[in-house]
C-alpha atoms as a PDB file:
ATOM      1  CA  MET A   1      15.819  -4.196  23.324  1.00  0.00           C
ATOM      2  CA  GLU A   2      13.165  -1.631  24.234  1.00  0.00           C
ATOM      3  CA  LEU A   3      10.767   0.153  21.928  1.00  0.00           C
ATOM      4  CA  LYS A   4       8.678   3.124  22.982  1.00  0.00           C
ATOM      5  CA  VAL A   5       4.983   3.137  22.079  1.00  0.00           C
ATOM      6  CA  LEU A   6       3.851   5.945  19.768  1.00  0.00           C
ATOM      7  CA  ASP A   7       0.456   7.608  19.689  1.00  0.00           C
ATOM      8  CA  THR A   8      -1.513   8.225  16.482  1.00  0.00           C
ATOM      9  CA  LYS A   9       0.241  11.589  16.044  1.00  0.00           C
ATOM     10  CA  GLY A  10       3.705  10.035  16.064  1.00  0.00           C
ATOM     11  CA  ASN A  11       4.640  11.245  19.543  1.00  0.00           C
ATOM     12  CA  TYR A  12       6.306   9.005  22.122  1.00  0.00           C
ATOM     13  CA  THR A  13       4.207   7.920  25.104  1.00  0.00           C
ATOM     14  CA  ASP A  14       5.318   6.693  28.531  1.00  0.00           C
ATOM     15  CA  LYS A  15       4.696   3.075  27.524  1.00  0.00           C
ATOM     16  CA  LYS A  16       7.558   0.745  26.588  1.00  0.00           C
ATOM     17  CA  ILE A  17       7.700  -2.733  25.088  1.00  0.00           C
ATOM     18  CA  GLU A  18      10.732  -4.904  25.771  1.00  0.00           C
ATOM     19  CA  PHE A  19      12.030  -7.668  23.525  1.00  0.00           C
ATOM     20  CA  ARG A  20      14.442  -9.957  25.325  1.00  0.00           C
ATOM     21  CA  ASP A  21      17.744 -10.544  23.537  1.00  0.00           C
ATOM     22  CA  ASP A  22      18.001 -14.096  24.876  1.00  0.00           C
ATOM     23  CA  ILE A  23      15.170 -15.301  22.609  1.00  0.00           C
ATOM     24  CA  PHE A  24      16.883 -14.058  19.453  1.00  0.00           C
ATOM     25  CA  PHE A  25      18.500 -16.441  16.991  1.00  0.00           C
ATOM     26  CA  LYS A  26      22.277 -16.659  16.920  1.00  0.00           C
ATOM     27  CA  LYS A  27      22.523 -17.824  13.312  1.00  0.00           C
ATOM     28  CA  SER A  28      21.124 -17.027   9.879  1.00  0.00           C
ATOM     29  CA  TYR A  29      18.165 -18.837   8.320  1.00  0.00           C
ATOM     30  CA  ARG A  30      18.505 -17.465   4.799  1.00  0.00           C
ATOM     31  CA  HIS A  31      17.861 -20.787   3.093  1.00  0.00           C
ATOM     32  CA  SER A  32      14.712 -21.367   5.155  1.00  0.00           C
ATOM     33  CA  ILE A  33      13.535 -17.869   4.214  1.00  0.00           C
ATOM     34  CA  TYR A  34      14.179 -18.686   0.556  1.00  0.00           C
ATOM     35  CA  LEU A  35      12.159 -21.914   0.802  1.00  0.00           C
ATOM     36  CA  GLU A  36       9.233 -20.199   2.540  1.00  0.00           C
ATOM     37  CA  ILE A  37       9.071 -17.311   0.051  1.00  0.00           C
ATOM     38  CA  LYS A  38       9.254 -19.843  -2.786  1.00  0.00           C
ATOM     39  CA  ARG A  39       6.430 -21.870  -1.209  1.00  0.00           C
ATOM     40  CA  TYR A  40       4.269 -18.761  -0.791  1.00  0.00           C
ATOM     41  CA  LEU A  41       4.735 -17.542  -4.373  1.00  0.00           C
ATOM     42  CA  LEU A  42       4.113 -20.995  -5.842  1.00  0.00           C
ATOM     43  CA  ALA A  43       0.898 -21.262  -3.833  1.00  0.00           C
ATOM     44  CA  GLN A  44      -0.386 -18.117  -5.617  1.00  0.00           C
ATOM     45  CA  ARG A  45      -0.303 -19.898  -8.971  1.00  0.00           C
ATOM     46  CA  GLN A  46      -3.575 -21.423 -10.159  1.00  0.00           C
ATOM     47  CA  GLY A  47      -1.959 -24.012 -12.390  1.00  0.00           C
ATOM     48  CA  THR A  48      -4.943 -24.039 -14.786  1.00  0.00           C
ATOM     49  CA  HIS A  49      -2.851 -23.508 -17.941  1.00  0.00           C
ATOM     50  CA  LYS A  50      -3.663 -25.956 -20.740  1.00  0.00           C
ATOM     51  CA  SER A  51      -2.863 -26.358 -24.426  1.00  0.00           C
ATOM     52  CA  LYS A  52      -4.324 -28.948 -26.772  1.00  0.00           C
ATOM     53  CA  GLU A  53      -2.195 -31.705 -28.147  1.00  0.00           C
ATOM     54  CA  ARG A  54      -2.624 -33.334 -31.510  1.00  0.00           C
ATOM     55  CA  GLY A  55      -5.116 -35.935 -30.325  1.00  0.00           C
ATOM     56  CA  GLU A  56      -7.347 -33.361 -28.593  1.00  0.00           C
ATOM     57  CA  LEU A  57      -8.017 -31.179 -31.638  1.00  0.00           C
ATOM     58  CA  SER A  58     -11.122 -31.441 -33.796  1.00  0.00           C
ATOM     59  CA  GLY A  59     -10.382 -31.702 -37.499  1.00  0.00           C
ATOM     60  CA  SER A  60      -9.852 -34.061 -40.392  1.00  0.00           C
ATOM     61  CA  THR A  61      -7.571 -37.024 -39.932  1.00  0.00           C
ATOM     62  CA  LYS A  62      -7.129 -37.430 -43.681  1.00  0.00           C
ATOM     63  CA  LYS A  63      -3.534 -37.579 -44.901  1.00  0.00           C
ATOM     64  CA  LEU A  64      -2.831 -34.330 -46.772  1.00  0.00           C
ATOM     65  CA  HIS A  65      -1.007 -35.977 -49.675  1.00  0.00           C
ATOM     66  CA  ARG A  66       0.569 -39.269 -50.535  1.00  0.00           C
ATOM     67  CA  GLN A  67       3.665 -40.376 -48.712  1.00  0.00           C
ATOM     68  CA  LYS A  68       6.098 -40.316 -51.654  1.00  0.00           C
ATOM     69  CA  GLY A  69       6.468 -38.784 -55.065  1.00  0.00           C
ATOM     70  CA  THR A  70       5.477 -35.168 -54.334  1.00  0.00           C
ATOM     71  CA  GLY A  71       8.944 -33.879 -53.545  1.00  0.00           C
ATOM     72  CA  GLY A  72       7.613 -32.522 -50.236  1.00  0.00           C
ATOM     73  CA  SER A  73       7.992 -33.721 -46.678  1.00  0.00           C
ATOM     74  CA  ARG A  74       5.679 -36.212 -44.985  1.00  0.00           C
ATOM     75  CA  LYS A  75       3.057 -34.182 -43.124  1.00  0.00           C
ATOM     76  CA  GLY A  76       0.289 -36.503 -42.013  1.00  0.00           C
ATOM     77  CA  ASP A  77      -3.028 -34.736 -41.233  1.00  0.00           C
ATOM     78  CA  ILE A  78      -3.883 -31.069 -40.711  1.00  0.00           C
ATOM     79  CA  LYS A  79      -3.460 -31.406 -36.913  1.00  0.00           C
ATOM     80  CA  ASN A  80       0.267 -31.866 -37.304  1.00  0.00           C
ATOM     81  CA  PRO A  81       2.156 -29.527 -34.894  1.00  0.00           C
ATOM     82  CA  ILE A  82       4.111 -27.998 -37.808  1.00  0.00           C
ATOM     83  CA  PHE A  83       0.933 -26.261 -39.042  1.00  0.00           C
ATOM     84  CA  ARG A  84      -0.689 -23.160 -37.603  1.00  0.00           C
ATOM     85  CA  GLY A  85      -3.607 -24.320 -35.485  1.00  0.00           C
ATOM     86  CA  GLY A  86      -2.073 -27.743 -35.071  1.00  0.00           C
ATOM     87  CA  GLY A  87      -1.494 -29.494 -31.788  1.00  0.00           C
ATOM     88  CA  ARG A  88       1.234 -28.279 -29.466  1.00  0.00           C
ATOM     89  CA  VAL A  89       4.095 -30.585 -28.577  1.00  0.00           C
ATOM     90  CA  PHE A  90       4.780 -30.965 -24.845  1.00  0.00           C
ATOM     91  CA  GLY A  91       2.455 -28.064 -24.003  1.00  0.00           C
ATOM     92  CA  PRO A  92       1.470 -27.062 -20.448  1.00  0.00           C
ATOM     93  CA  LYS A  93      -1.027 -29.191 -18.563  1.00  0.00           C
ATOM     94  CA  PRO A  94      -2.990 -28.399 -15.385  1.00  0.00           C
ATOM     95  CA  ARG A  95      -0.851 -29.054 -12.319  1.00  0.00           C
ATOM     96  CA  LYS A  96      -0.427 -28.034  -8.704  1.00  0.00           C
ATOM     97  CA  TYR A  97       2.595 -25.921  -7.856  1.00  0.00           C
ATOM     98  CA  ILE A  98       2.178 -26.288  -4.101  1.00  0.00           C
ATOM     99  CA  ILE A  99       5.205 -27.453  -2.156  1.00  0.00           C
ATOM    100  CA  LYS A 100       5.105 -28.343   1.527  1.00  0.00           C
ATOM    101  CA  LEU A 101       7.105 -26.764   4.302  1.00  0.00           C
ATOM    102  CA  ASN A 102       6.586 -27.826   7.889  1.00  0.00           C
ATOM    103  CA  LYS A 103       4.981 -25.452  10.372  1.00  0.00           C
ATOM    104  CA  ARG A 104       8.063 -25.217  12.577  1.00  0.00           C
ATOM    105  CA  THR A 105      10.191 -23.951   9.689  1.00  0.00           C
ATOM    106  CA  ARG A 106       7.540 -21.363   8.756  1.00  0.00           C
ATOM    107  CA  ASN A 107       7.485 -20.096  12.339  1.00  0.00           C
ATOM    108  CA  ILE A 108      11.281 -19.914  12.396  1.00  0.00           C
ATOM    109  CA  VAL A 109      11.206 -17.810   9.229  1.00  0.00           C
ATOM    110  CA  LYS A 110       8.649 -15.391  10.693  1.00  0.00           C
ATOM    111  CA  LYS A 111      10.691 -15.049  13.832  1.00  0.00           C
ATOM    112  CA  SER A 112      13.920 -14.533  11.895  1.00  0.00           C
ATOM    113  CA  ILE A 113      12.462 -11.789   9.686  1.00  0.00           C
ATOM    114  CA  ILE A 114      10.911  -9.941  12.641  1.00  0.00           C
ATOM    115  CA  GLU A 115      14.245 -10.056  14.452  1.00  0.00           C
ATOM    116  CA  GLN A 116      16.023  -8.626  11.410  1.00  0.00           C
ATOM    117  CA  LYS A 117      13.532  -5.769  11.301  1.00  0.00           C
ATOM    118  CA  LEU A 118      14.074  -5.113  15.011  1.00  0.00           C
ATOM    119  CA  VAL A 119      17.846  -4.960  14.574  1.00  0.00           C
ATOM    120  CA  GLN A 120      17.430  -2.593  11.599  1.00  0.00           C
ATOM    121  CA  ASN A 121      15.078  -0.319  13.632  1.00  0.00           C
ATOM    122  CA  LYS A 122      12.287  -0.788  11.120  1.00  0.00           C
ATOM    123  CA  ILE A 123       9.598  -1.748  13.617  1.00  0.00           C
ATOM    124  CA  MET A 124       7.310   0.772  15.297  1.00  0.00           C
ATOM    125  CA  ILE A 125       4.683   0.242  17.989  1.00  0.00           C
ATOM    126  CA  ILE A 126       1.593   2.423  18.204  1.00  0.00           C
ATOM    127  CA  GLU A 127      -1.416   2.601  20.477  1.00  0.00           C
ATOM    128  CA  ASP A 128      -4.513   0.594  19.577  1.00  0.00           C
ATOM    129  CA  LEU A 129      -6.564   2.142  16.774  1.00  0.00           C
ATOM    130  CA  LYS A 130     -10.320   2.572  16.962  1.00  0.00           C
ATOM    131  CA  LEU A 131     -12.619   3.781  14.201  1.00  0.00           C
ATOM    132  CA  ASN A 132     -16.405   3.909  14.332  1.00  0.00           C
ATOM    133  CA  THR A 133     -16.670   4.367  10.574  1.00  0.00           C
ATOM    134  CA  PRO A 134     -14.246   3.719   7.708  1.00  0.00           C
ATOM    135  CA  LYS A 135     -12.010   6.745   7.133  1.00  0.00           C
ATOM    136  CA  THR A 136      -9.040   6.539   4.770  1.00  0.00           C
ATOM    137  CA  LYS A 137      -7.877  10.030   5.729  1.00  0.00           C
ATOM    138  CA  PHE A 138      -7.158   8.710   9.226  1.00  0.00           C
ATOM    139  CA  PHE A 139      -4.503   6.345   7.870  1.00  0.00           C
ATOM    140  CA  LEU A 140      -3.077   9.006   5.564  1.00  0.00           C
ATOM    141  CA  ASN A 141      -2.567  11.304   8.559  1.00  0.00           C
ATOM    142  CA  LEU A 142      -1.165   8.411  10.611  1.00  0.00           C
ATOM    143  CA  LEU A 143       1.438   7.508   7.989  1.00  0.00           C
ATOM    144  CA  LYS A 144       2.356  11.174   7.627  1.00  0.00           C
ATOM    145  CA  SER A 145       2.881  11.545  11.379  1.00  0.00           C
ATOM    146  CA  LEU A 146       5.040   8.393  11.415  1.00  0.00           C
ATOM    147  CA  GLN A 147       7.031   9.718   8.423  1.00  0.00           C
ATOM    148  CA  LEU A 148       6.121   6.672   6.374  1.00  0.00           C
ATOM    149  CA  THR A 149       4.373   8.420   3.486  1.00  0.00           C
ATOM    150  CA  ASN A 150       5.313   6.713   0.182  1.00  0.00           C
ATOM    151  CA  LYS A 151       7.251   4.043   2.084  1.00  0.00           C
ATOM    152  CA  LYS A 152       6.213   0.410   1.997  1.00  0.00           C
ATOM    153  CA  SER A 153       4.758  -0.308   5.422  1.00  0.00           C
ATOM    154  CA  LEU A 154       2.852  -3.198   6.957  1.00  0.00           C
ATOM    155  CA  MET A 155       0.568  -2.745   9.958  1.00  0.00           C
ATOM    156  CA  ILE A 156      -0.132  -5.746  12.186  1.00  0.00           C
ATOM    157  CA  ILE A 157      -3.090  -5.696  14.569  1.00  0.00           C
ATOM    158  CA  GLY A 158      -4.264  -8.277  17.098  1.00  0.00           C
ATOM    159  CA  ASP A 159      -7.638  -9.071  15.533  1.00  0.00           C
ATOM    160  CA  MET A 160      -9.033  -7.974  12.203  1.00  0.00           C
ATOM    161  CA  ASN A 161     -11.246  -4.898  12.391  1.00  0.00           C
ATOM    162  CA  LYS A 162     -13.618  -4.223   9.504  1.00  0.00           C
ATOM    163  CA  ASN A 163     -13.487  -0.426   9.747  1.00  0.00           C
ATOM    164  CA  LEU A 164      -9.695  -0.420   9.853  1.00  0.00           C
ATOM    165  CA  TYR A 165      -9.535  -2.774   6.890  1.00  0.00           C
ATOM    166  CA  LEU A 166     -11.951  -0.702   4.780  1.00  0.00           C
ATOM    167  CA  SER A 167     -10.056   2.474   5.668  1.00  0.00           C
ATOM    168  CA  SER A 168      -6.698   1.129   4.525  1.00  0.00           C
ATOM    169  CA  ARG A 169      -7.382  -1.154   1.566  1.00  0.00           C
ATOM    170  CA  ASN A 170      -7.075   1.593  -1.104  1.00  0.00           C
ATOM    171  CA  LEU A 171      -3.720   2.907   0.092  1.00  0.00           C
ATOM    172  CA  ASN A 172      -0.629   2.336  -2.017  1.00  0.00           C
ATOM    173  CA  ASN A 173       2.441   0.791  -0.353  1.00  0.00           C
ATOM    174  CA  PHE A 174       0.417  -0.073   2.744  1.00  0.00           C
ATOM    175  CA  LYS A 175      -1.155  -3.290   3.994  1.00  0.00           C
ATOM    176  CA  LEU A 176      -3.129  -4.158   7.117  1.00  0.00           C
ATOM    177  CA  LEU A 177      -3.017  -7.697   8.530  1.00  0.00           C
ATOM    178  CA  SER A 178      -3.999  -9.393  11.750  1.00  0.00           C
ATOM    179  CA  VAL A 179      -1.477 -11.663  13.486  1.00  0.00           C
ATOM    180  CA  SER A 180      -3.410 -14.759  12.361  1.00  0.00           C
ATOM    181  CA  GLU A 181      -3.142 -13.620   8.704  1.00  0.00           C
ATOM    182  CA  LEU A 182       0.551 -12.799   8.897  1.00  0.00           C
ATOM    183  CA  ASP A 183       2.718 -14.371   6.206  1.00  0.00           C
ATOM    184  CA  CYS A 184       6.455 -14.322   5.626  1.00  0.00           C
ATOM    185  CA  PHE A 185       6.227 -12.741   2.181  1.00  0.00           C
ATOM    186  CA  SER A 186       4.467  -9.644   3.553  1.00  0.00           C
ATOM    187  CA  LEU A 187       7.004  -9.379   6.371  1.00  0.00           C
ATOM    188  CA  ILE A 188       9.923  -9.340   3.967  1.00  0.00           C
ATOM    189  CA  ASN A 189       8.197  -7.403   1.171  1.00  0.00           C
ATOM    190  CA  PHE A 190       7.383  -4.328   3.277  1.00  0.00           C
ATOM    191  CA  SER A 191      10.257  -2.191   4.521  1.00  0.00           C
ATOM    192  CA  TYR A 192       8.607  -1.025   7.757  1.00  0.00           C
ATOM    193  CA  ILE A 193       6.372  -2.855  10.220  1.00  0.00           C
ATOM    194  CA  ILE A 194       3.893  -1.106  12.498  1.00  0.00           C
ATOM    195  CA  LEU A 195       2.676  -3.135  15.461  1.00  0.00           C
ATOM    196  CA  SER A 196      -0.419  -2.219  17.446  1.00  0.00           C
ATOM    197  CA  GLU A 197      -0.388  -2.740  21.197  1.00  0.00           C
ATOM    198  CA  ASN A 198      -3.019  -5.484  21.039  1.00  0.00           C
ATOM    199  CA  SER A 199      -0.789  -7.511  18.688  1.00  0.00           C
ATOM    200  CA  ILE A 200       2.291  -7.470  20.931  1.00  0.00           C
ATOM    201  CA  LYS A 201       1.256 -10.419  23.084  1.00  0.00           C
ATOM    202  CA  LYS A 202       0.676 -12.660  20.068  1.00  0.00           C
ATOM    203  CA  ILE A 203       3.858 -11.448  18.370  1.00  0.00           C
ATOM    204  CA  TYR A 204       5.825 -12.150  21.532  1.00  0.00           C
ATOM    205  CA  GLN A 205       4.404 -15.695  21.620  1.00  0.00           C
ATOM    206  CA  LEU A 206       5.640 -16.111  18.044  1.00  0.00           C
ATOM    207  CA  LEU A 207       9.107 -14.881  19.008  1.00  0.00           C
ATOM    208  CA  SER A 208       9.210 -17.173  22.029  1.00  0.00           C
ATOM    209  CA  ILE A 209       8.593 -20.429  20.146  1.00  0.00           C
ATOM    210  CA  TYR A 210      10.826 -23.299  21.155  1.00  0.00           C
ATOM    211  CA  ILE A 211      13.769 -23.776  18.814  1.00  0.00           C
END
């Protein structure tokens, strides 16, 4: 499969990038994708939720009324969970939501998603971008020339560039990542992927991992 390299105005150049079909997977890894997305989303949770149980509340421990003879139920003290402000039964406690997934599986998932995007023609390759100063208008014009305005698109560059990052961070439906920061959730969450020329070598290494 060959993809032509675009310039910043959306025009085709004479450069071509080839992705060999023999390195593509021949089967689906949907369950692995599910596990990796689940792992990523769980890792975003802080797990600091906490409610106080009966023994952790401050308050009187005096029995509200005698056990029998009142015609009412047995209530114990004011910290009883049946009262407003009482302790909570089986409430949340701080915990870690992190689950482990081996590195090989994560790499397989990245490779599988990129291949799906290639087959669906949702990957574009553009020339390397250079900015001396942050300029958001540059990215607005770039997305317009690529016909990706108001479409969820992810740009992957070889190494993080501060000016490029500052220029793109306020854009809706757009995200800029370096290859080292690439995660499976971003790959699957954004409809279109834009690769810069300096990221191709690292992306190709990812696609060529031993299976």
